[in-house]
Amino acid sequence: MDSTSTPSVPTREELNAELVAVPEPPEQPETLPPPGFEDSLDVALRHVKGRRGGDLVGVILVGSGARRAITTHSDIDLIALVKGDTDAHEILRAGERLVDIRYHGYKSVEDELAYSLRLPSLLRKGRILFDHEGVTAQLIEKSNQRFRQGPPPASINEQIRLKASCYHWLGKAEDLTEKPGTAQYLLTLFYEDCIQAFFRLRGYWLTAPVDVHRFMFSREPALADMAGQYLNATTLTDRLTHLGQQLSPVPAVEVHGLVEAVENRREIDVAAALVRTTLHDLLELRIRRDERFLGLNGHEAERQQRVLVLAALPQRIQRRL
């Protein structure tokens, strides 16, 4: 009996040995600031020191200047930390740039780190321009620690409010399709609320507006692609019917879904009160959308069925309190 020889299968080590090493990409140099930026920054810093020199404990550059993402039209964003309780705002021109200066008491900023949705991510990338006795450096370190802990979770109240707000603007835009300019403006509010809901409901820190789409693409490419299609849509119909409903965080709000979300929370009494106050608008918007999409034309039986569901909801919630 003839024996047939079978070729030997190469091992993983043999295959890896034949691979050509991919060289690491060269490290890119830091982007140099446009001419005159540092001069304008020096002027702004001297202004802050001259105005609040006696109680000034720190000055932090934030925004595009701190991120090394300066453009021709970038302004200079400064946070001036002072002693005591202060909350002031000042805008001035330094050279060719506008300077936005926020004056805050450093202790109040430190306390606000615990619950703020923006400060930790804003300060952690800040560039210290002036620091008295290391106060500003300690604040930056606390911002980094707070950032690593993640943003405070959205309560059931905030979750429902965010979703209801998105659906509200989308429904209003649908109602005003005969006024395209107004509808497009309402859709800008809808998109902004959708972005806010994305970050809060997913548990992400808020980012700078110029980084929103890039951040979304790194986390959820499909959603980022949908957002890009929405922004590039050329007609109001495309934004409303093809993309708006998919982009909304509540494309199909159902009464029982809200009830189940409430049942899984400890703050049932607060959530139930909020459900009672917002659900009517949600159902009305859903009814109008269904009538338009399904061609019901105000079918009374469909409307009555949903009204009965709405009427029974408070009793269902009360039985669980």
C-alpha atoms as a PDB file:
ATOM      1  CA  MET A   1       0.000   0.000   0.000  1.00  0.00           C
ATOM      2  CA  ASP A   2       1.473   3.263  -1.176  1.00  0.00           C
ATOM      3  CA  SER A   3       1.758   5.949   1.428  1.00  0.00           C
ATOM      4  CA  THR A   4       1.042   9.511   0.345  1.00  0.00           C
ATOM      5  CA  SER A   5       3.162  12.267   1.819  1.00  0.00           C
ATOM      6  CA  THR A   6       1.326  15.312   3.199  1.00  0.00           C
ATOM      7  CA  PRO A   7       3.049  18.684   3.326  1.00  0.00           C
ATOM      8  CA  SER A   8       3.914  19.847   6.822  1.00  0.00           C
ATOM      9  CA  VAL A   9       2.035  22.846   8.154  1.00  0.00           C
ATOM     10  CA  PRO A  10       4.381  25.666   9.198  1.00  0.00           C
ATOM     11  CA  THR A  11       4.281  26.686  12.821  1.00  0.00           C
ATOM     12  CA  ARG A  12       3.339  30.139  14.098  1.00  0.00           C
ATOM     13  CA  GLU A  13       6.984  30.864  14.889  1.00  0.00           C
ATOM     14  CA  GLU A  14       8.034  29.998  11.329  1.00  0.00           C
ATOM     15  CA  LEU A  15       5.355  32.240   9.847  1.00  0.00           C
ATOM     16  CA  ASN A  16       6.219  35.139  12.137  1.00  0.00           C
ATOM     17  CA  ALA A  17       9.902  34.778  11.258  1.00  0.00           C
ATOM     18  CA  GLU A  18       9.080  35.492   7.597  1.00  0.00           C
ATOM     19  CA  LEU A  19       7.159  38.691   8.336  1.00  0.00           C
ATOM     20  CA  VAL A  20       8.867  41.940   7.578  1.00  0.00           C
ATOM     21  CA  ALA A  21       8.943  44.302  10.524  1.00  0.00           C
ATOM     22  CA  VAL A  22       6.800  47.377  10.024  1.00  0.00           C
ATOM     23  CA  PRO A  23       8.765  50.496  10.951  1.00  0.00           C
ATOM     24  CA  GLU A  24       7.279  52.822  13.546  1.00  0.00           C
ATOM     25  CA  PRO A  25       5.968  56.100  12.132  1.00  0.00           C
ATOM     26  CA  PRO A  26       8.316  58.990  12.821  1.00  0.00           C
ATOM     27  CA  GLU A  27       7.364  61.185  15.753  1.00  0.00           C
ATOM     28  CA  GLN A  28       5.692  64.341  14.517  1.00  0.00           C
ATOM     29  CA  PRO A  29       7.065  67.629  15.824  1.00  0.00           C
ATOM     30  CA  GLU A  30       4.804  69.870  17.839  1.00  0.00           C
ATOM     31  CA  THR A  31       2.821  72.382  15.837  1.00  0.00           C
ATOM     32  CA  LEU A  32       4.387  75.779  16.179  1.00  0.00           C
ATOM     33  CA  PRO A  33       2.039  78.563  17.241  1.00  0.00           C
ATOM     34  CA  PRO A  34       1.243  81.149  14.565  1.00  0.00           C
ATOM     35  CA  PRO A  35       3.429  84.260  14.578  1.00  0.00           C
ATOM     36  CA  GLY A  36       2.346  86.698  17.235  1.00  0.00           C
ATOM     37  CA  PHE A  37       0.440  84.231  19.401  1.00  0.00           C
ATOM     38  CA  GLU A  38       3.004  84.161  22.212  1.00  0.00           C
ATOM     39  CA  ASP A  39       3.270  87.948  22.093  1.00  0.00           C
ATOM     40  CA  SER A  40      -0.495  88.283  22.489  1.00  0.00           C
ATOM     41  CA  LEU A  41      -0.363  85.738  25.314  1.00  0.00           C
ATOM     42  CA  ASP A  42       2.276  87.799  27.120  1.00  0.00           C
ATOM     43  CA  VAL A  43       0.134  90.929  26.794  1.00  0.00           C
ATOM     44  CA  ALA A  44      -2.885  89.129  28.223  1.00  0.00           C
ATOM     45  CA  LEU A  45      -0.879  87.687  31.111  1.00  0.00           C
ATOM     46  CA  ARG A  46       0.510  91.115  32.033  1.00  0.00           C
ATOM     47  CA  HIS A  47      -3.018  92.492  31.979  1.00  0.00           C
ATOM     48  CA  VAL A  48      -4.281  89.824  34.394  1.00  0.00           C
ATOM     49  CA  LYS A  49      -1.334  90.316  36.740  1.00  0.00           C
ATOM     50  CA  GLY A  50      -1.805  94.057  36.720  1.00  0.00           C
ATOM     51  CA  ARG A  51      -5.509  93.781  37.441  1.00  0.00           C
ATOM     52  CA  ARG A  52      -5.498  91.045  40.083  1.00  0.00           C
ATOM     53  CA  GLY A  53      -1.853  90.884  41.130  1.00  0.00           C
ATOM     54  CA  GLY A  54      -2.589  91.145  44.862  1.00  0.00           C
ATOM     55  CA  ASP A  55      -4.844  88.099  45.123  1.00  0.00           C
ATOM     56  CA  LEU A  56      -3.808  86.195  41.995  1.00  0.00           C
ATOM     57  CA  VAL A  57      -2.719  82.590  42.642  1.00  0.00           C
ATOM     58  CA  GLY A  58      -2.648  81.149  39.131  1.00  0.00           C
ATOM     59  CA  VAL A  59      -3.323  81.641  35.417  1.00  0.00           C
ATOM     60  CA  ILE A  60      -4.096  78.696  33.121  1.00  0.00           C
ATOM     61  CA  LEU A  61      -4.260  78.693  29.330  1.00  0.00           C
ATOM     62  CA  VAL A  62      -7.040  76.363  28.134  1.00  0.00           C
ATOM     63  CA  GLY A  63      -8.773  75.632  24.848  1.00  0.00           C
ATOM     64  CA  SER A  64      -7.049  75.405  21.475  1.00  0.00           C
ATOM     65  CA  GLY A  65      -3.976  77.234  22.741  1.00  0.00           C
ATOM     66  CA  ALA A  66      -3.320  74.578  25.370  1.00  0.00           C
ATOM     67  CA  ARG A  67      -4.079  71.742  22.914  1.00  0.00           C
ATOM     68  CA  ARG A  68      -1.591  73.092  20.353  1.00  0.00           C
ATOM     69  CA  ALA A  69      -4.455  73.388  17.871  1.00  0.00           C
ATOM     70  CA  ILE A  70      -4.217  77.105  17.191  1.00  0.00           C
ATOM     71  CA  THR A  71      -5.601  78.489  13.953  1.00  0.00           C
ATOM     72  CA  THR A  72      -5.679  81.958  12.496  1.00  0.00           C
ATOM     73  CA  HIS A  73      -9.017  82.686  14.143  1.00  0.00           C
ATOM     74  CA  SER A  74      -8.343  81.033  17.520  1.00  0.00           C
ATOM     75  CA  ASP A  75      -8.807  83.227  20.547  1.00  0.00           C
ATOM     76  CA  ILE A  76      -6.926  82.997  23.847  1.00  0.00           C
ATOM     77  CA  ASP A  77      -8.847  81.378  26.699  1.00  0.00           C
ATOM     78  CA  LEU A  78      -7.513  82.049  30.186  1.00  0.00           C
ATOM     79  CA  ILE A  79      -8.688  80.954  33.632  1.00  0.00           C
ATOM     80  CA  ALA A  80      -7.421  83.264  36.371  1.00  0.00           C
ATOM     81  CA  LEU A  81      -7.487  81.738  39.851  1.00  0.00           C
ATOM     82  CA  VAL A  82      -7.780  84.225  42.694  1.00  0.00           C
ATOM     83  CA  LYS A  83      -8.254  84.193  46.439  1.00  0.00           C
ATOM     84  CA  GLY A  84     -11.759  84.420  47.837  1.00  0.00           C
ATOM     85  CA  ASP A  85     -15.036  83.930  45.969  1.00  0.00           C
ATOM     86  CA  THR A  86     -14.962  85.567  42.551  1.00  0.00           C
ATOM     87  CA  ASP A  87     -16.873  84.895  39.362  1.00  0.00           C
ATOM     88  CA  ALA A  88     -16.068  87.474  36.685  1.00  0.00           C
ATOM     89  CA  HIS A  89     -15.672  87.496  32.925  1.00  0.00           C
ATOM     90  CA  GLU A  90     -13.614  89.813  30.728  1.00  0.00           C
ATOM     91  CA  ILE A  91     -12.948  90.021  26.994  1.00  0.00           C
ATOM     92  CA  LEU A  92     -10.192  92.152  25.515  1.00  0.00           C
ATOM     93  CA  ARG A  93      -8.030  92.353  22.420  1.00  0.00           C
ATOM     94  CA  ALA A  94      -4.318  91.616  22.571  1.00  0.00           C
ATOM     95  CA  GLY A  95      -2.621  92.187  19.248  1.00  0.00           C
ATOM     96  CA  GLU A  96      -4.584  90.367  16.566  1.00  0.00           C
ATOM     97  CA  ARG A  97      -6.463  88.047  18.934  1.00  0.00           C
ATOM     98  CA  LEU A  98      -9.366  88.193  21.319  1.00  0.00           C
ATOM     99  CA  VAL A  99      -8.682  87.137  24.890  1.00  0.00           C
ATOM    100  CA  ASP A 100     -11.437  85.512  26.960  1.00  0.00           C
ATOM    101  CA  ILE A 101     -10.596  85.681  30.678  1.00  0.00           C
ATOM    102  CA  ARG A 102     -12.596  83.925  33.401  1.00  0.00           C
ATOM    103  CA  TYR A 103     -11.862  84.878  37.018  1.00  0.00           C
ATOM    104  CA  HIS A 104     -12.715  82.209  39.616  1.00  0.00           C
ATOM    105  CA  GLY A 105     -11.878  81.585  43.243  1.00  0.00           C
ATOM    106  CA  TYR A 106      -9.422  78.713  43.293  1.00  0.00           C
ATOM    107  CA  LYS A 107     -11.176  76.983  46.194  1.00  0.00           C
ATOM    108  CA  SER A 108     -14.537  77.060  44.404  1.00  0.00           C
ATOM    109  CA  VAL A 109     -12.911  75.589  41.271  1.00  0.00           C
ATOM    110  CA  GLU A 110     -11.393  72.819  43.366  1.00  0.00           C
ATOM    111  CA  ASP A 111     -14.795  72.051  44.894  1.00  0.00           C
ATOM    112  CA  GLU A 112     -16.491  72.114  41.491  1.00  0.00           C
ATOM    113  CA  LEU A 113     -14.205  69.390  40.140  1.00  0.00           C
ATOM    114  CA  ALA A 114     -16.262  66.788  41.987  1.00  0.00           C
ATOM    115  CA  TYR A 115     -19.432  67.350  39.944  1.00  0.00           C
ATOM    116  CA  SER A 116     -18.525  69.461  36.908  1.00  0.00           C
ATOM    117  CA  LEU A 117     -18.982  67.852  33.479  1.00  0.00           C
ATOM    118  CA  ARG A 118     -16.418  70.084  31.789  1.00  0.00           C
ATOM    119  CA  LEU A 119     -13.751  71.304  34.212  1.00  0.00           C
ATOM    120  CA  PRO A 120     -11.669  68.111  34.658  1.00  0.00           C
ATOM    121  CA  SER A 121     -11.255  67.536  30.920  1.00  0.00           C
ATOM    122  CA  LEU A 122     -10.629  71.254  30.370  1.00  0.00           C
ATOM    123  CA  LEU A 123      -8.034  71.784  33.098  1.00  0.00           C
ATOM    124  CA  ARG A 124      -6.085  68.549  32.666  1.00  0.00           C
ATOM    125  CA  LYS A 125      -4.710  69.811  29.350  1.00  0.00           C
ATOM    126  CA  GLY A 126      -4.214  73.358  30.605  1.00  0.00           C
ATOM    127  CA  ARG A 127      -0.904  75.163  30.308  1.00  0.00           C
ATOM    128  CA  ILE A 128       0.199  76.929  33.488  1.00  0.00           C
ATOM    129  CA  LEU A 129       1.260  80.510  32.821  1.00  0.00           C
ATOM    130  CA  PHE A 130       1.524  81.677  36.422  1.00  0.00           C
ATOM    131  CA  ASP A 131       1.559  79.695  39.655  1.00  0.00           C
ATOM    132  CA  HIS A 132       1.815  81.052  43.197  1.00  0.00           C
ATOM    133  CA  GLU A 133       3.206  78.545  45.704  1.00  0.00           C
ATOM    134  CA  GLY A 134       2.236  75.530  43.551  1.00  0.00           C
ATOM    135  CA  VAL A 135      -1.522  76.047  43.937  1.00  0.00           C
ATOM    136  CA  THR A 136      -2.199  75.809  40.205  1.00  0.00           C
ATOM    137  CA  ALA A 137      -0.048  72.702  39.735  1.00  0.00           C
ATOM    138  CA  GLN A 138      -1.938  70.949  42.528  1.00  0.00           C
ATOM    139  CA  LEU A 139      -5.238  71.878  40.900  1.00  0.00           C
ATOM    140  CA  ILE A 140      -4.100  70.443  37.555  1.00  0.00           C
ATOM    141  CA  GLU A 141      -3.069  67.208  39.295  1.00  0.00           C
ATOM    142  CA  LYS A 142      -6.464  66.951  41.000  1.00  0.00           C
ATOM    143  CA  SER A 143      -8.105  67.526  37.607  1.00  0.00           C
ATOM    144  CA  ASN A 144      -6.156  64.597  36.166  1.00  0.00           C
ATOM    145  CA  GLN A 145      -7.185  62.376  39.060  1.00  0.00           C
ATOM    146  CA  ARG A 146     -10.812  63.398  38.700  1.00  0.00           C
ATOM    147  CA  PHE A 147     -10.699  62.821  34.945  1.00  0.00           C
ATOM    148  CA  ARG A 148      -9.484  59.255  35.417  1.00  0.00           C
ATOM    149  CA  GLN A 149     -12.501  58.545  37.629  1.00  0.00           C
ATOM    150  CA  GLY A 150     -14.915  59.348  34.811  1.00  0.00           C
ATOM    151  CA  PRO A 151     -17.788  61.844  34.681  1.00  0.00           C
ATOM    152  CA  PRO A 152     -20.606  61.708  37.225  1.00  0.00           C
ATOM    153  CA  PRO A 153     -23.316  59.285  36.024  1.00  0.00           C
ATOM    154  CA  ALA A 154     -26.512  60.681  34.565  1.00  0.00           C
ATOM    155  CA  SER A 155     -29.474  60.274  36.911  1.00  0.00           C
ATOM    156  CA  ILE A 156     -32.748  58.821  35.685  1.00  0.00           C
ATOM    157  CA  ASN A 157     -34.126  62.375  35.673  1.00  0.00           C
ATOM    158  CA  GLU A 158     -31.358  63.591  33.377  1.00  0.00           C
ATOM    159  CA  GLN A 159     -31.602  60.560  31.094  1.00  0.00           C
ATOM    160  CA  ILE A 160     -35.297  61.125  30.470  1.00  0.00           C
ATOM    161  CA  ARG A 161     -34.809  64.882  30.102  1.00  0.00           C
ATOM    162  CA  LEU A 162     -32.032  64.440  27.526  1.00  0.00           C
ATOM    163  CA  LYS A 163     -34.042  61.987  25.471  1.00  0.00           C
ATOM    164  CA  ALA A 164     -37.235  64.028  25.705  1.00  0.00           C
ATOM    165  CA  SER A 165     -35.411  67.189  24.617  1.00  0.00           C
ATOM    166  CA  CYS A 166     -33.986  65.520  21.494  1.00  0.00           C
ATOM    167  CA  TYR A 167     -37.318  64.075  20.510  1.00  0.00           C
ATOM    168  CA  HIS A 168     -39.067  67.387  21.216  1.00  0.00           C
ATOM    169  CA  TRP A 169     -36.914  69.381  18.756  1.00  0.00           C
ATOM    170  CA  LEU A 170     -37.199  66.669  16.111  1.00  0.00           C
ATOM    171  CA  GLY A 171     -40.983  66.639  16.439  1.00  0.00           C
ATOM    172  CA  LYS A 172     -41.179  70.437  16.241  1.00  0.00           C
ATOM    173  CA  ALA A 173     -39.075  70.389  13.072  1.00  0.00           C
ATOM    174  CA  GLU A 174     -41.415  67.791  11.556  1.00  0.00           C
ATOM    175  CA  ASP A 175     -44.394  69.987  12.375  1.00  0.00           C
ATOM    176  CA  LEU A 176     -42.842  72.975  10.585  1.00  0.00           C
ATOM    177  CA  THR A 177     -41.675  71.377   7.342  1.00  0.00           C
ATOM    178  CA  GLU A 178     -43.655  74.013   5.443  1.00  0.00           C
ATOM    179  CA  LYS A 179     -41.206  76.563   6.890  1.00  0.00           C
ATOM    180  CA  PRO A 180     -37.827  75.097   5.866  1.00  0.00           C
ATOM    181  CA  GLY A 181     -35.725  77.846   7.464  1.00  0.00           C
ATOM    182  CA  THR A 182     -37.347  77.433  10.865  1.00  0.00           C
ATOM    183  CA  ALA A 183     -37.235  73.637  10.604  1.00  0.00           C
ATOM    184  CA  GLN A 184     -33.523  73.680   9.776  1.00  0.00           C
ATOM    185  CA  TYR A 185     -32.848  75.911  12.786  1.00  0.00           C
ATOM    186  CA  LEU A 186     -34.779  73.531  15.059  1.00  0.00           C
ATOM    187  CA  LEU A 187     -32.751  70.651  13.649  1.00  0.00           C
ATOM    188  CA  THR A 188     -29.538  72.379  14.723  1.00  0.00           C
ATOM    189  CA  LEU A 189     -30.920  72.405  18.280  1.00  0.00           C
ATOM    190  CA  PHE A 190     -31.863  68.748  17.860  1.00  0.00           C
ATOM    191  CA  TYR A 191     -28.343  67.834  16.736  1.00  0.00           C
ATOM    192  CA  GLU A 192     -26.700  69.720  19.613  1.00  0.00           C
ATOM    193  CA  ASP A 193     -28.940  67.935  22.117  1.00  0.00           C
ATOM    194  CA  CYS A 194     -28.154  64.588  20.463  1.00  0.00           C
ATOM    195  CA  ILE A 195     -24.425  65.220  20.891  1.00  0.00           C
ATOM    196  CA  GLN A 196     -24.983  66.164  24.530  1.00  0.00           C
ATOM    197  CA  ALA A 197     -27.057  63.015  25.051  1.00  0.00           C
ATOM    198  CA  PHE A 198     -24.398  60.862  23.389  1.00  0.00           C
ATOM    199  CA  PHE A 199     -21.700  61.959  25.828  1.00  0.00           C
ATOM    200  CA  ARG A 200     -23.901  61.840  28.919  1.00  0.00           C
ATOM    201  CA  LEU A 201     -25.725  58.567  28.221  1.00  0.00           C
ATOM    202  CA  ARG A 202     -22.506  56.803  27.166  1.00  0.00           C
ATOM    203  CA  GLY A 203     -20.621  58.135  30.188  1.00  0.00           C
ATOM    204  CA  TYR A 204     -17.953  60.130  28.314  1.00  0.00           C
ATOM    205  CA  TRP A 205     -16.379  63.446  29.232  1.00  0.00           C
ATOM    206  CA  LEU A 206     -17.424  66.359  27.041  1.00  0.00           C
ATOM    207  CA  THR A 207     -14.828  67.317  24.440  1.00  0.00           C
ATOM    208  CA  ALA A 208     -14.079  70.483  22.504  1.00  0.00           C
ATOM    209  CA  PRO A 209     -16.561  71.077  19.638  1.00  0.00           C
ATOM    210  CA  VAL A 210     -13.846  70.615  17.008  1.00  0.00           C
ATOM    211  CA  ASP A 211     -13.040  67.164  18.434  1.00  0.00           C
ATOM    212  CA  VAL A 212     -16.590  65.850  18.791  1.00  0.00           C
ATOM    213  CA  HIS A 213     -16.831  63.969  15.483  1.00  0.00           C
ATOM    214  CA  ARG A 214     -13.324  62.506  15.769  1.00  0.00           C
ATOM    215  CA  PHE A 215     -14.088  61.313  19.293  1.00  0.00           C
ATOM    216  CA  MET A 216     -17.381  59.753  18.192  1.00  0.00           C
ATOM    217  CA  PHE A 217     -15.641  57.945  15.342  1.00  0.00           C
ATOM    218  CA  SER A 218     -13.055  56.487  17.737  1.00  0.00           C
ATOM    219  CA  ARG A 219     -15.816  55.111  19.996  1.00  0.00           C
ATOM    220  CA  GLU A 220     -18.760  54.344  17.710  1.00  0.00           C
ATOM    221  CA  PRO A 221     -17.835  54.607  14.013  1.00  0.00           C
ATOM    222  CA  ALA A 222     -21.325  53.740  12.777  1.00  0.00           C
ATOM    223  CA  LEU A 223     -22.915  56.523  14.806  1.00  0.00           C
ATOM    224  CA  ALA A 224     -20.224  59.004  13.750  1.00  0.00           C
ATOM    225  CA  ASP A 225     -20.808  58.098  10.102  1.00  0.00           C
ATOM    226  CA  MET A 226     -24.533  58.640  10.576  1.00  0.00           C
ATOM    227  CA  ALA A 227     -23.857  62.031  12.172  1.00  0.00           C
ATOM    228  CA  GLY A 228     -21.663  62.958   9.214  1.00  0.00           C
ATOM    229  CA  GLN A 229     -24.408  61.980   6.770  1.00  0.00           C
ATOM    230  CA  TYR A 230     -26.875  64.037   8.773  1.00  0.00           C
ATOM    231  CA  LEU A 231     -24.673  67.144   8.646  1.00  0.00           C
ATOM    232  CA  ASN A 232     -24.009  66.684   4.927  1.00  0.00           C
ATOM    233  CA  ALA A 233     -27.643  66.054   4.002  1.00  0.00           C
ATOM    234  CA  THR A 234     -28.672  68.532   1.323  1.00  0.00           C
ATOM    235  CA  THR A 235     -32.438  68.533   1.839  1.00  0.00           C
ATOM    236  CA  LEU A 236     -34.725  68.914   4.818  1.00  0.00           C
ATOM    237  CA  THR A 237     -36.503  65.678   3.895  1.00  0.00           C
ATOM    238  CA  ASP A 238     -33.279  63.689   4.078  1.00  0.00           C
ATOM    239  CA  ARG A 239     -32.496  65.072   7.515  1.00  0.00           C
ATOM    240  CA  LEU A 240     -35.965  64.362   8.866  1.00  0.00           C
ATOM    241  CA  THR A 241     -37.055  61.056   7.399  1.00  0.00           C
ATOM    242  CA  HIS A 242     -33.806  59.246   6.628  1.00  0.00           C
ATOM    243  CA  LEU A 243     -31.384  60.303   9.340  1.00  0.00           C
ATOM    244  CA  GLY A 244     -33.086  62.269  12.116  1.00  0.00           C
ATOM    245  CA  GLN A 245     -35.059  59.350  13.511  1.00  0.00           C
ATOM    246  CA  GLN A 246     -31.984  57.101  13.497  1.00  0.00           C
ATOM    247  CA  LEU A 247     -29.723  59.702  15.094  1.00  0.00           C
ATOM    248  CA  SER A 248     -32.136  60.496  17.930  1.00  0.00           C
ATOM    249  CA  PRO A 249     -31.375  58.691  21.213  1.00  0.00           C
ATOM    250  CA  VAL A 250     -35.079  57.714  21.336  1.00  0.00           C
ATOM    251  CA  PRO A 251     -35.949  56.650  17.789  1.00  0.00           C
ATOM    252  CA  ALA A 252     -38.794  54.513  19.139  1.00  0.00           C
ATOM    253  CA  VAL A 253     -39.836  55.700  22.591  1.00  0.00           C
ATOM    254  CA  GLU A 254     -42.259  53.262  24.142  1.00  0.00           C
ATOM    255  CA  VAL A 255     -44.219  53.694  27.358  1.00  0.00           C
ATOM    256  CA  HIS A 256     -43.317  50.300  28.765  1.00  0.00           C
ATOM    257  CA  GLY A 257     -39.632  50.982  28.106  1.00  0.00           C
ATOM    258  CA  LEU A 258     -39.719  54.030  30.305  1.00  0.00           C
ATOM    259  CA  VAL A 259     -41.597  52.135  33.001  1.00  0.00           C
ATOM    260  CA  GLU A 260     -39.009  49.338  32.997  1.00  0.00           C
ATOM    261  CA  ALA A 261     -36.202  51.907  33.264  1.00  0.00           C
ATOM    262  CA  VAL A 262     -37.921  53.451  36.257  1.00  0.00           C
ATOM    263  CA  GLU A 263     -38.499  50.093  37.932  1.00  0.00           C
ATOM    264  CA  ASN A 264     -34.778  49.365  37.828  1.00  0.00           C
ATOM    265  CA  ARG A 265     -33.873  52.524  39.722  1.00  0.00           C
ATOM    266  CA  ARG A 266     -33.941  53.292  43.402  1.00  0.00           C
ATOM    267  CA  GLU A 267     -35.210  56.847  42.943  1.00  0.00           C
ATOM    268  CA  ILE A 268     -38.586  55.614  41.756  1.00  0.00           C
ATOM    269  CA  ASP A 269     -40.588  58.413  43.310  1.00  0.00           C
ATOM    270  CA  VAL A 270     -38.534  61.139  41.581  1.00  0.00           C
ATOM    271  CA  ALA A 271     -38.414  59.297  38.273  1.00  0.00           C
ATOM    272  CA  ALA A 272     -42.137  58.549  38.323  1.00  0.00           C
ATOM    273  CA  ALA A 273     -42.972  62.217  38.831  1.00  0.00           C
ATOM    274  CA  LEU A 274     -40.746  63.147  35.907  1.00  0.00           C
ATOM    275  CA  VAL A 275     -42.294  60.465  33.714  1.00  0.00           C
ATOM    276  CA  ARG A 276     -45.768  61.836  34.418  1.00  0.00           C
ATOM    277  CA  THR A 277     -44.752  65.349  33.404  1.00  0.00           C
ATOM    278  CA  THR A 278     -42.864  64.456  30.188  1.00  0.00           C
ATOM    279  CA  LEU A 279     -44.659  61.405  28.839  1.00  0.00           C
ATOM    280  CA  HIS A 280     -47.655  63.240  27.460  1.00  0.00           C
ATOM    281  CA  ASP A 281     -45.495  65.293  25.083  1.00  0.00           C
ATOM    282  CA  LEU A 282     -43.522  62.200  24.099  1.00  0.00           C
ATOM    283  CA  LEU A 283     -46.661  60.256  23.236  1.00  0.00           C
ATOM    284  CA  GLU A 284     -48.146  63.112  21.279  1.00  0.00           C
ATOM    285  CA  LEU A 285     -44.946  63.449  19.278  1.00  0.00           C
ATOM    286  CA  ARG A 286     -44.872  59.687  18.700  1.00  0.00           C
ATOM    287  CA  ILE A 287     -48.505  59.702  17.564  1.00  0.00           C
ATOM    288  CA  ARG A 288     -47.870  62.481  15.053  1.00  0.00           C
ATOM    289  CA  ARG A 289     -44.772  60.714  13.771  1.00  0.00           C
ATOM    290  CA  ASP A 290     -46.605  57.401  13.360  1.00  0.00           C
ATOM    291  CA  GLU A 291     -49.477  59.104  11.593  1.00  0.00           C
ATOM    292  CA  ARG A 292     -47.077  60.728   9.163  1.00  0.00           C
ATOM    293  CA  PHE A 293     -44.936  57.617   8.568  1.00  0.00           C
ATOM    294  CA  LEU A 294     -47.759  55.052   8.490  1.00  0.00           C
ATOM    295  CA  GLY A 295     -50.296  57.211   6.681  1.00  0.00           C
ATOM    296  CA  LEU A 296     -52.876  57.003   9.461  1.00  0.00           C
ATOM    297  CA  ASN A 297     -54.086  60.565   8.830  1.00  0.00           C
ATOM    298  CA  GLY A 298     -55.300  61.045  12.359  1.00  0.00           C
ATOM    299  CA  HIS A 299     -56.908  57.639  12.714  1.00  0.00           C
ATOM    300  CA  GLU A 300     -59.044  58.003  15.831  1.00  0.00           C
ATOM    301  CA  ALA A 301     -58.801  54.379  16.931  1.00  0.00           C
ATOM    302  CA  GLU A 302     -54.985  54.507  16.971  1.00  0.00           C
ATOM    303  CA  ARG A 303     -55.017  57.757  18.934  1.00  0.00           C
ATOM    304  CA  GLN A 304     -57.513  56.472  21.479  1.00  0.00           C
ATOM    305  CA  GLN A 305     -55.478  53.324  22.039  1.00  0.00           C
ATOM    306  CA  ARG A 306     -52.375  55.359  22.915  1.00  0.00           C
ATOM    307  CA  VAL A 307     -54.344  57.733  25.121  1.00  0.00           C
ATOM    308  CA  LEU A 308     -55.628  54.735  27.093  1.00  0.00           C
ATOM    309  CA  VAL A 309     -52.047  53.514  27.531  1.00  0.00           C
ATOM    310  CA  LEU A 310     -51.068  56.949  28.812  1.00  0.00           C
ATOM    311  CA  ALA A 311     -53.973  57.065  31.241  1.00  0.00           C
ATOM    312  CA  ALA A 312     -53.029  53.686  32.714  1.00  0.00           C
ATOM    313  CA  LEU A 313     -49.362  54.542  33.206  1.00  0.00           C
ATOM    314  CA  PRO A 314     -49.615  56.507  36.524  1.00  0.00           C
ATOM    315  CA  GLN A 315     -51.509  53.641  38.133  1.00  0.00           C
ATOM    316  CA  ARG A 316     -48.901  51.145  36.985  1.00  0.00           C
ATOM    317  CA  ILE A 317     -46.164  53.268  38.497  1.00  0.00           C
ATOM    318  CA  GLN A 318     -48.079  53.923  41.724  1.00  0.00           C
ATOM    319  CA  ARG A 319     -48.479  50.184  42.329  1.00  0.00           C
ATOM    320  CA  ARG A 320     -44.687  49.891  42.353  1.00  0.00           C
ATOM    321  CA  LEU A 321     -43.957  52.794  44.708  1.00  0.00           C
END
